[in-house]
Amino acid sequence: MLSADDRFAIQDLYARHNACVDLRDHLGWAACFTEDGVSDTTRRSQGREALLAHGKARDEARASQAWTVPLHWESNFVIEGDGTAARAIVYMMRTVKMKATGAFVADTAGIYEDQLAKVNGNWLFQHRKLHLEEPPASIIPNAG
């Protein structure tokens, strides 16, 4: 069973991950993953170098987007594990500010399915998979 300190540290990891994506800190974003970590969202990247390249490409692509100011929100955490490994799901929504109108709109929603590992006292993502369609109920971590 996860301690309260582990749960807080895991939720902090989620918050740091989102802040790094939104504020264009691709180095900080990649550091949220284990050395061999996987981000499987709109693009699949594995390993720190591939994650760094993914982050840089994501940042460079922003200029050509019809939006700016992405803000990621995560909620409804379901987490289970022990002091070294955990499984989690979390709901995700991204809002963006449209360049043409200045309006903020929710443009992406989904559910992350995550595998986490505690490395040198820090919780990191081992594998993040974003489900943009309804995932199977089997992704819900078992509290038992």
N, C-alpha and C. Protein backbone atom coordinates (compact mmCIF):
# COMPACT_ATOMS: atom_id res chain seq x y z
N MET A 1 0.84 -1.18 0.00
CA MET A 1 0.00 0.00 0.00
C MET A 1 0.89 1.25 0.00
N LEU A 2 0.47 2.26 -0.74
CA LEU A 2 1.21 3.52 -0.81
C LEU A 2 0.99 4.34 0.44
N SER A 3 2.07 4.96 0.91
CA SER A 3 1.95 5.86 2.06
C SER A 3 1.35 7.19 1.59
N ALA A 4 0.91 7.99 2.52
CA ALA A 4 0.40 9.33 2.19
C ALA A 4 1.50 10.15 1.52
N ASP A 5 2.74 10.03 2.01
CA ASP A 5 3.86 10.76 1.39
C ASP A 5 4.06 10.34 -0.06
N ASP A 6 3.93 9.03 -0.34
CA ASP A 6 4.07 8.56 -1.72
C ASP A 6 2.96 9.13 -2.59
N ARG A 7 1.73 9.14 -2.09
CA ARG A 7 0.61 9.68 -2.86
C ARG A 7 0.82 11.16 -3.18
N PHE A 8 1.27 11.93 -2.20
CA PHE A 8 1.54 13.35 -2.44
C PHE A 8 2.65 13.52 -3.47
N ALA A 9 3.70 12.71 -3.36
CA ALA A 9 4.82 12.79 -4.30
C ALA A 9 4.36 12.43 -5.71
N ILE A 10 3.49 11.45 -5.85
CA ILE A 10 2.98 11.06 -7.17
C ILE A 10 2.12 12.19 -7.75
N GLN A 11 1.27 12.78 -6.93
CA GLN A 11 0.45 13.89 -7.43
C GLN A 11 1.33 15.08 -7.81
N ASP A 12 2.42 15.30 -7.09
CA ASP A 12 3.37 16.35 -7.45
C ASP A 12 4.02 16.05 -8.80
N LEU A 13 4.32 14.79 -9.07
CA LEU A 13 4.87 14.40 -10.36
C LEU A 13 3.91 14.77 -11.47
N TYR A 14 2.62 14.49 -11.30
CA TYR A 14 1.63 14.86 -12.31
C TYR A 14 1.61 16.37 -12.53
N ALA A 15 1.65 17.14 -11.45
CA ALA A 15 1.63 18.60 -11.57
C ALA A 15 2.89 19.12 -12.27
N ARG A 16 4.06 18.58 -11.91
CA ARG A 16 5.31 18.99 -12.57
C ARG A 16 5.28 18.64 -14.05
N HIS A 17 4.79 17.45 -14.37
CA HIS A 17 4.68 17.02 -15.76
C HIS A 17 3.88 18.04 -16.56
N ASN A 18 2.71 18.41 -16.06
CA ASN A 18 1.84 19.36 -16.78
C ASN A 18 2.49 20.73 -16.90
N ALA A 19 3.09 21.22 -15.81
CA ALA A 19 3.74 22.52 -15.85
C ALA A 19 4.87 22.54 -16.88
N CYS A 20 5.64 21.47 -16.93
CA CYS A 20 6.74 21.41 -17.90
C CYS A 20 6.24 21.41 -19.33
N VAL A 21 5.15 20.68 -19.60
CA VAL A 21 4.58 20.68 -20.96
C VAL A 21 4.07 22.08 -21.30
N ASP A 22 3.28 22.66 -20.41
CA ASP A 22 2.64 23.94 -20.70
C ASP A 22 3.63 25.09 -20.81
N LEU A 23 4.71 25.04 -20.02
CA LEU A 23 5.67 26.14 -19.99
C LEU A 23 6.92 25.88 -20.84
N ARG A 24 6.86 24.85 -21.69
CA ARG A 24 7.90 24.54 -22.67
C ARG A 24 9.24 24.14 -22.06
N ASP A 25 9.18 23.44 -20.94
CA ASP A 25 10.40 22.94 -20.30
C ASP A 25 10.55 21.47 -20.68
N HIS A 26 11.05 21.23 -21.91
CA HIS A 26 11.15 19.85 -22.37
C HIS A 26 12.18 19.05 -21.58
N LEU A 27 13.21 19.71 -21.02
CA LEU A 27 14.18 19.01 -20.18
C LEU A 27 13.50 18.54 -18.89
N GLY A 28 12.73 19.42 -18.28
CA GLY A 28 12.00 19.04 -17.07
C GLY A 28 10.96 17.98 -17.34
N TRP A 29 10.30 18.09 -18.51
CA TRP A 29 9.29 17.09 -18.88
C TRP A 29 9.94 15.71 -19.02
N ALA A 30 11.04 15.64 -19.74
CA ALA A 30 11.72 14.34 -19.92
C ALA A 30 12.21 13.80 -18.59
N ALA A 31 12.59 14.67 -17.66
CA ALA A 31 13.06 14.23 -16.35
C ALA A 31 11.95 13.66 -15.49
N CYS A 32 10.71 13.79 -15.91
CA CYS A 32 9.58 13.18 -15.19
C CYS A 32 9.48 11.68 -15.48
N PHE A 33 10.32 11.18 -16.40
CA PHE A 33 10.29 9.78 -16.80
C PHE A 33 11.56 9.06 -16.35
N THR A 34 11.46 7.75 -16.19
CA THR A 34 12.65 6.95 -15.95
C THR A 34 13.54 7.01 -17.19
N GLU A 35 14.79 6.60 -17.06
CA GLU A 35 15.74 6.65 -18.19
C GLU A 35 15.20 5.93 -19.42
N ASP A 36 14.47 4.82 -19.21
CA ASP A 36 13.91 4.07 -20.34
C ASP A 36 12.41 4.31 -20.48
N GLY A 37 11.91 5.40 -19.89
CA GLY A 37 10.49 5.69 -19.86
C GLY A 37 9.86 5.84 -21.24
N VAL A 38 8.53 5.63 -21.26
CA VAL A 38 7.75 5.70 -22.50
C VAL A 38 6.64 6.72 -22.33
N SER A 39 6.53 7.62 -23.31
CA SER A 39 5.38 8.50 -23.44
C SER A 39 4.65 8.06 -24.70
N ASP A 40 3.41 7.61 -24.52
CA ASP A 40 2.60 7.08 -25.63
C ASP A 40 1.33 7.92 -25.72
N THR A 41 1.48 9.10 -26.34
CA THR A 41 0.34 10.00 -26.47
C THR A 41 -0.01 10.11 -27.94
N THR A 42 0.09 11.29 -28.52
CA THR A 42 -0.12 11.42 -29.97
C THR A 42 1.08 10.92 -30.74
N ARG A 43 2.16 10.70 -30.02
CA ARG A 43 3.42 10.16 -30.57
C ARG A 43 4.03 9.28 -29.50
N ARG A 44 4.64 8.17 -29.89
CA ARG A 44 5.28 7.27 -28.91
C ARG A 44 6.77 7.52 -28.89
N SER A 45 7.29 7.78 -27.69
CA SER A 45 8.72 8.01 -27.52
C SER A 45 9.21 7.18 -26.34
N GLN A 46 10.36 6.54 -26.49
CA GLN A 46 10.92 5.74 -25.41
C GLN A 46 12.38 6.11 -25.19
N GLY A 47 12.74 6.32 -23.93
CA GLY A 47 14.10 6.65 -23.56
C GLY A 47 14.30 8.15 -23.48
N ARG A 48 15.22 8.56 -22.62
CA ARG A 48 15.42 9.98 -22.33
C ARG A 48 15.72 10.80 -23.58
N GLU A 49 16.58 10.31 -24.48
CA GLU A 49 16.92 11.07 -25.69
C GLU A 49 15.71 11.24 -26.60
N ALA A 50 14.93 10.17 -26.78
CA ALA A 50 13.73 10.26 -27.61
C ALA A 50 12.69 11.18 -26.97
N LEU A 51 12.61 11.16 -25.64
CA LEU A 51 11.68 12.05 -24.96
C LEU A 51 12.09 13.51 -25.14
N LEU A 52 13.39 13.79 -25.05
CA LEU A 52 13.87 15.15 -25.28
C LEU A 52 13.55 15.62 -26.70
N ALA A 53 13.76 14.75 -27.67
CA ALA A 53 13.44 15.09 -29.06
C ALA A 53 11.95 15.33 -29.23
N HIS A 54 11.13 14.51 -28.59
CA HIS A 54 9.68 14.66 -28.63
C HIS A 54 9.29 16.03 -28.06
N GLY A 55 9.85 16.38 -26.91
CA GLY A 55 9.53 17.66 -26.29
C GLY A 55 9.94 18.84 -27.15
N LYS A 56 11.12 18.78 -27.75
CA LYS A 56 11.59 19.85 -28.63
C LYS A 56 10.67 19.99 -29.85
N ALA A 57 10.30 18.86 -30.45
CA ALA A 57 9.42 18.89 -31.62
C ALA A 57 8.05 19.45 -31.26
N ARG A 58 7.54 19.08 -30.09
CA ARG A 58 6.25 19.60 -29.62
C ARG A 58 6.34 21.12 -29.49
N ASP A 59 7.43 21.62 -28.90
CA ASP A 59 7.59 23.06 -28.72
C ASP A 59 7.71 23.78 -30.06
N GLU A 60 8.48 23.23 -30.99
CA GLU A 60 8.67 23.85 -32.29
C GLU A 60 7.38 23.88 -33.10
N ALA A 61 6.51 22.89 -32.91
CA ALA A 61 5.26 22.81 -33.66
C ALA A 61 4.24 23.86 -33.20
N ARG A 62 4.43 24.41 -32.02
CA ARG A 62 3.43 25.36 -31.50
C ARG A 62 3.22 26.57 -32.40
N ALA A 63 4.27 27.06 -33.02
CA ALA A 63 4.14 28.27 -33.84
C ALA A 63 3.13 28.08 -34.98
N SER A 64 3.01 26.86 -35.49
CA SER A 64 2.11 26.61 -36.62
C SER A 64 0.69 26.21 -36.17
N GLN A 65 0.47 26.11 -34.88
CA GLN A 65 -0.86 25.74 -34.39
C GLN A 65 -1.82 26.93 -34.43
N ALA A 66 -3.11 26.65 -34.45
CA ALA A 66 -4.13 27.70 -34.43
C ALA A 66 -4.39 28.19 -33.01
N TRP A 67 -3.65 27.67 -32.06
CA TRP A 67 -3.84 28.00 -30.65
C TRP A 67 -2.53 28.32 -29.98
N THR A 68 -2.62 28.86 -28.80
CA THR A 68 -1.48 29.11 -27.93
C THR A 68 -1.93 28.87 -26.49
N VAL A 69 -1.06 29.05 -25.55
CA VAL A 69 -1.36 28.92 -24.12
C VAL A 69 -2.05 27.60 -23.78
N PRO A 70 -1.40 26.46 -24.01
CA PRO A 70 -2.03 25.20 -23.60
C PRO A 70 -1.97 25.06 -22.08
N LEU A 71 -3.06 24.59 -21.51
CA LEU A 71 -3.13 24.35 -20.07
C LEU A 71 -3.70 22.95 -19.86
N HIS A 72 -2.91 22.10 -19.21
CA HIS A 72 -3.32 20.72 -18.95
C HIS A 72 -3.89 20.60 -17.54
N TRP A 73 -4.98 19.87 -17.42
CA TRP A 73 -5.65 19.63 -16.14
C TRP A 73 -5.81 18.13 -15.95
N GLU A 74 -5.47 17.64 -14.78
CA GLU A 74 -5.65 16.21 -14.48
C GLU A 74 -6.38 16.08 -13.15
N SER A 75 -7.28 15.10 -13.12
CA SER A 75 -8.09 14.87 -11.91
C SER A 75 -8.52 13.42 -11.85
N ASN A 76 -9.29 13.09 -10.83
CA ASN A 76 -9.84 11.74 -10.64
C ASN A 76 -8.74 10.69 -10.59
N PHE A 77 -7.75 10.92 -9.74
CA PHE A 77 -6.63 10.00 -9.59
C PHE A 77 -7.09 8.70 -8.97
N VAL A 78 -6.75 7.59 -9.61
CA VAL A 78 -6.92 6.26 -9.03
C VAL A 78 -5.53 5.63 -9.06
N ILE A 79 -4.96 5.44 -7.88
CA ILE A 79 -3.56 5.00 -7.76
C ILE A 79 -3.49 3.81 -6.83
N GLU A 80 -2.72 2.80 -7.21
CA GLU A 80 -2.44 1.68 -6.31
C GLU A 80 -1.00 1.25 -6.50
N GLY A 81 -0.43 0.75 -5.44
CA GLY A 81 0.95 0.28 -5.54
C GLY A 81 1.57 0.10 -4.18
N ASP A 82 2.87 0.03 -4.17
CA ASP A 82 3.61 -0.11 -2.92
C ASP A 82 4.67 1.00 -2.90
N GLY A 83 5.66 0.88 -2.10
CA GLY A 83 6.67 1.93 -1.98
C GLY A 83 7.65 2.02 -3.13
N THR A 84 7.57 1.10 -4.12
CA THR A 84 8.54 1.12 -5.23
C THR A 84 7.90 1.21 -6.61
N ALA A 85 6.66 0.77 -6.74
CA ALA A 85 5.98 0.78 -8.04
C ALA A 85 4.50 1.07 -7.84
N ALA A 86 3.90 1.68 -8.86
CA ALA A 86 2.48 2.01 -8.78
C ALA A 86 1.87 1.98 -10.18
N ARG A 87 0.56 1.78 -10.18
CA ARG A 87 -0.25 1.89 -11.39
C ARG A 87 -1.26 2.98 -11.11
N ALA A 88 -1.62 3.73 -12.13
CA ALA A 88 -2.58 4.81 -11.93
C ALA A 88 -3.35 5.09 -13.21
N ILE A 89 -4.54 5.64 -13.03
CA ILE A 89 -5.25 6.28 -14.13
C ILE A 89 -5.61 7.68 -13.65
N VAL A 90 -5.69 8.60 -14.59
CA VAL A 90 -6.04 9.98 -14.28
C VAL A 90 -6.74 10.57 -15.50
N TYR A 91 -7.78 11.33 -15.25
CA TYR A 91 -8.47 12.00 -16.33
C TYR A 91 -7.67 13.24 -16.73
N MET A 92 -7.63 13.54 -18.04
CA MET A 92 -6.87 14.67 -18.56
C MET A 92 -7.75 15.52 -19.47
N MET A 93 -7.59 16.84 -19.32
CA MET A 93 -8.22 17.77 -20.25
C MET A 93 -7.20 18.87 -20.55
N ARG A 94 -7.17 19.29 -21.80
CA ARG A 94 -6.31 20.40 -22.19
C ARG A 94 -7.18 21.51 -22.75
N THR A 95 -6.95 22.72 -22.26
CA THR A 95 -7.57 23.89 -22.84
C THR A 95 -6.49 24.66 -23.58
N VAL A 96 -6.91 25.39 -24.61
CA VAL A 96 -5.99 26.23 -25.38
C VAL A 96 -6.67 27.56 -25.67
N LYS A 97 -5.85 28.57 -25.95
CA LYS A 97 -6.36 29.89 -26.33
C LYS A 97 -6.24 30.00 -27.84
N MET A 98 -7.37 30.18 -28.51
CA MET A 98 -7.39 30.27 -29.97
C MET A 98 -6.79 31.60 -30.41
N LYS A 99 -5.83 31.54 -31.34
CA LYS A 99 -5.17 32.76 -31.81
C LYS A 99 -6.15 33.72 -32.49
N ALA A 100 -7.08 33.19 -33.27
CA ALA A 100 -7.99 34.03 -34.05
C ALA A 100 -8.99 34.79 -33.18
N THR A 101 -9.45 34.17 -32.10
CA THR A 101 -10.52 34.77 -31.31
C THR A 101 -10.13 35.14 -29.89
N GLY A 102 -9.05 34.55 -29.38
CA GLY A 102 -8.68 34.76 -27.99
C GLY A 102 -9.49 33.93 -27.02
N ALA A 103 -10.39 33.12 -27.54
CA ALA A 103 -11.24 32.28 -26.69
C ALA A 103 -10.48 31.06 -26.20
N PHE A 104 -10.73 30.70 -24.95
CA PHE A 104 -10.19 29.46 -24.42
C PHE A 104 -11.19 28.35 -24.70
N VAL A 105 -10.69 27.23 -25.21
CA VAL A 105 -11.55 26.08 -25.51
C VAL A 105 -10.89 24.80 -25.01
N ALA A 106 -11.72 23.87 -24.62
CA ALA A 106 -11.21 22.53 -24.28
C ALA A 106 -11.06 21.80 -25.60
N ASP A 107 -9.82 21.40 -25.92
CA ASP A 107 -9.60 20.77 -27.22
C ASP A 107 -9.23 19.30 -27.13
N THR A 108 -8.82 18.84 -25.94
CA THR A 108 -8.44 17.44 -25.79
C THR A 108 -8.90 16.93 -24.43
N ALA A 109 -9.43 15.72 -24.42
CA ALA A 109 -9.78 15.07 -23.16
C ALA A 109 -9.49 13.59 -23.32
N GLY A 110 -9.07 12.98 -22.24
CA GLY A 110 -8.77 11.55 -22.28
C GLY A 110 -8.44 11.03 -20.91
N ILE A 111 -7.98 9.81 -20.89
CA ILE A 111 -7.58 9.15 -19.64
C ILE A 111 -6.17 8.60 -19.83
N TYR A 112 -5.27 9.00 -18.92
CA TYR A 112 -3.93 8.45 -18.91
C TYR A 112 -3.93 7.14 -18.13
N GLU A 113 -3.22 6.17 -18.65
CA GLU A 113 -2.94 4.90 -17.97
C GLU A 113 -1.44 4.90 -17.70
N ASP A 114 -1.06 4.88 -16.43
CA ASP A 114 0.34 5.08 -16.07
C ASP A 114 0.93 3.95 -15.25
N GLN A 115 2.20 3.69 -15.52
CA GLN A 115 3.04 2.83 -14.68
C GLN A 115 4.09 3.76 -14.11
N LEU A 116 4.29 3.71 -12.79
CA LEU A 116 5.24 4.59 -12.12
C LEU A 116 6.25 3.77 -11.35
N ALA A 117 7.44 4.35 -11.17
CA ALA A 117 8.50 3.69 -10.40
C ALA A 117 9.16 4.72 -9.49
N LYS A 118 9.55 4.26 -8.32
CA LYS A 118 10.29 5.12 -7.41
C LYS A 118 11.77 4.86 -7.63
N VAL A 119 12.50 5.89 -8.09
CA VAL A 119 13.91 5.76 -8.43
C VAL A 119 14.69 6.76 -7.58
N ASN A 120 15.62 6.24 -6.78
CA ASN A 120 16.42 7.10 -5.90
C ASN A 120 15.54 8.03 -5.06
N GLY A 121 14.43 7.51 -4.59
CA GLY A 121 13.54 8.27 -3.73
C GLY A 121 12.54 9.16 -4.43
N ASN A 122 12.57 9.18 -5.77
CA ASN A 122 11.67 10.05 -6.54
C ASN A 122 10.74 9.22 -7.42
N TRP A 123 9.46 9.57 -7.43
CA TRP A 123 8.51 8.91 -8.30
C TRP A 123 8.64 9.45 -9.72
N LEU A 124 8.68 8.54 -10.70
CA LEU A 124 8.81 8.89 -12.11
C LEU A 124 7.86 8.03 -12.93
N PHE A 125 7.52 8.52 -14.10
CA PHE A 125 6.71 7.74 -15.03
C PHE A 125 7.60 6.72 -15.73
N GLN A 126 7.17 5.46 -15.73
CA GLN A 126 7.82 4.42 -16.54
C GLN A 126 7.15 4.33 -17.89
N HIS A 127 5.83 4.47 -17.86
CA HIS A 127 5.04 4.36 -19.09
C HIS A 127 3.76 5.17 -18.92
N ARG A 128 3.52 6.08 -19.86
CA ARG A 128 2.29 6.88 -19.89
C ARG A 128 1.59 6.60 -21.20
N LYS A 129 0.36 6.15 -21.13
CA LYS A 129 -0.43 5.93 -22.34
C LYS A 129 -1.68 6.77 -22.24
N LEU A 130 -1.91 7.61 -23.25
CA LEU A 130 -3.10 8.44 -23.29
C LEU A 130 -4.16 7.77 -24.14
N HIS A 131 -5.31 7.55 -23.52
CA HIS A 131 -6.47 6.99 -24.23
C HIS A 131 -7.39 8.16 -24.59
N LEU A 132 -7.55 8.43 -25.88
CA LEU A 132 -8.45 9.48 -26.32
C LEU A 132 -9.84 8.94 -26.62
N GLU A 133 -9.95 7.64 -26.72
CA GLU A 133 -11.24 6.97 -26.86
C GLU A 133 -11.48 6.21 -25.56
N GLU A 134 -12.67 5.71 -25.37
CA GLU A 134 -12.99 5.01 -24.12
C GLU A 134 -12.12 3.76 -23.96
N PRO A 135 -11.30 3.75 -22.91
CA PRO A 135 -10.44 2.57 -22.67
C PRO A 135 -11.26 1.47 -21.98
N PRO A 136 -10.71 0.26 -21.94
CA PRO A 136 -11.39 -0.81 -21.23
C PRO A 136 -11.33 -0.57 -19.72
N ALA A 137 -12.32 -1.06 -18.99
CA ALA A 137 -12.35 -0.91 -17.53
C ALA A 137 -11.17 -1.61 -16.87
N SER A 138 -10.52 -2.53 -17.59
CA SER A 138 -9.38 -3.26 -17.02
C SER A 138 -8.20 -2.36 -16.70
N ILE A 139 -8.19 -1.11 -17.18
CA ILE A 139 -7.07 -0.22 -16.85
C ILE A 139 -7.19 0.36 -15.43
N ILE A 140 -8.35 0.21 -14.79
CA ILE A 140 -8.54 0.76 -13.45
C ILE A 140 -7.69 -0.07 -12.48
N PRO A 141 -6.77 0.61 -11.76
CA PRO A 141 -5.95 -0.14 -10.79
C PRO A 141 -6.82 -0.78 -9.72
N ASN A 142 -6.44 -1.96 -9.32
CA ASN A 142 -7.17 -2.69 -8.29
C ASN A 142 -6.72 -2.23 -6.92
N ALA A 143 -7.65 -1.77 -6.11
CA ALA A 143 -7.30 -1.28 -4.77
C ALA A 143 -7.05 -2.43 -3.81
N GLY A 144 -7.36 -3.62 -4.22
CA GLY A 144 -7.20 -4.78 -3.32
C GLY A 144 -5.83 -5.28 -3.32
